[in-house]
Amino acid sequence: MITPIIISGGSGTRLWPLSRKLRPKQFISMGNDTTLFQDTILRLPKEANSPLIICNEDHRFLAAEQLREIDKKSSGIILEPIGKNTAPAIALAALKLISSSEDPILLVLPADHMIEDIQSFHEAIKIAETLAIQNKLVTFGVLPNKAETGYGYIEAEKNLNSKFYNIKSFKEKPNQTNANKYFKSGEYLWNSGMFMFKSSIYLEELEKFAPEILHCCKNSLKDELQDLDFIRLINKEFFKCPEISIDYAVMEQTKSSVVVPLDANWNDVGSWESLMSSKLKDAKGNFVEGDVILDNVENTFAYSSSKLVSVAGVSDLVIVDTSDALLVTSSKYSQNIKNIVDKLKDQSRPEVVHHRKVYRPWGYYDSLDVGDGFQAKRICVRPGQKISLQKHNHRSEHWVVVSGTAKITCGDKIYNLEKNKSVYIPKGEVHRLENQGEVDLEIIEVQTGDYLGEDDIIRLEDDYQRN
């Protein structure tokens, strides 16, 4: 039986400002009702087992909530305290799932890809499964439709009428000259980063070529802590693990690797330019989403999350407007947006970490206004959820209920407040907000004080085991 392994790491910096550290591209909708993470789950073969998810601590509630939204179960969510690339992540999955009686075939999938032709994808999986049963380590190579510099390549040893090929070599992302050469030769496939193999075979090859990774991952799982669906590692052991991709650690070393060609309208959504290539455009080559008006514009991607965006007399641009950041770049430069993100990191700008709307396991808050000594937020608490029992050393808070009914703890008093009712939370007072109703609870919070940072939260009790 196939067990999908969904690797949900990375921050998607080349899709900033829509993709950010605390809500990266895999957890964002790219023009439909579901996110890339959810799409990855929804297109799995029906006969496959429930997927095992691998993500980092910051994204654990996002992954769990997005599974719940599409009514899907997981085999567990392994939480990495730090990203160590794909070889250790897959090792954790293989070690977790293998047993004396079970040796599942792993279907390893990144959580941030688009695949439009689901039937062709499933057909490729069936071919790969037959090879995995024969102890092959299978990767999927995408049939290229252009000389692309944004992907790695697989040099294939092609055989006529074969449904798979032996692998001659792996190539890093090429310059344009080499990309042209690879494309014209017809002997190269794009490296999709998707794999299939038995758990035991992967672990055997890892022990041959990267034994330190296997050792660290085994130690990380020795006394794992199960917390709801979350599987926590021994952090100090995992920190020792080398950071390396499966390509370098195993696939380039083993003699058992093969590649199955994939022609399924695949896109790794690695940049705004690649995202635009997957979209249906108008007669002038434009794609717009949100409140956008164009005049004499060609070959442009224009996105607005809220406000009106007007674009006139330009071409070949990417324009992305969010509630707190605006990006304007040429389409050809969109692969290099990470340079902007690096500058934001150097300046410790919050826009690289989170959006104005910040999601929490209980709901979200939206920062409406910030000034000298005050901050206003709109807070939404989902039905049946509550924030931590907490206090602040530097700020007081006023809460006004705008919809739903709030159960509020303030010191030794408990209030049940309906719409248009308010309460004052003094600085240093222990408090909690809870929604016991069946609809969303929304309040407006006005903070006042000499320091308003999110780190001025002292949690005394928390349903979500946060510090």
Foldseek 3Di string as FASTA:
>chain_A
DEAEEEEEEDFLLLAPPVTFALQGQLLDDLPDDAGLLLVVQVLDPPPYDAYEYEYAPSCVLSNVVRCVVVVGDHQFYEHAPDAQAALLSLLLVLVVPDDPVDWHKYKYDYSQKDFAFSVLVVVLVVVQVVLQVVQFKEFAFEQDPALDQPFKKWQFPDDPPDQWTFTDAIGHRDDSVVSRVQNVVSRMTTGRLIIIHISVSSLVQLCVQPVQSNVLSCQQQPDWDCDPRYTYTPNVSNVPHHRDYCCVRGVRPDRRYMYGYGHGLMFSCSHPLRSLVSDDADPQLEDEEDQEAEECEHNEYAYAPHDYHYYYDYYQWYWYYYPPDIDIDGSVCSNPSVVVLVVCVVVVPCSNHDDQWAADSQGIKHWDDDDQFKTKIKDKGAAPGKFFFKAFQWKKKKKAWQAAWKWKDWAPDTDIDHHGDMDIHDHPTTMMIHHNDHGMTIIMMMMGGNDDDPVRIDGPGGPVPDD
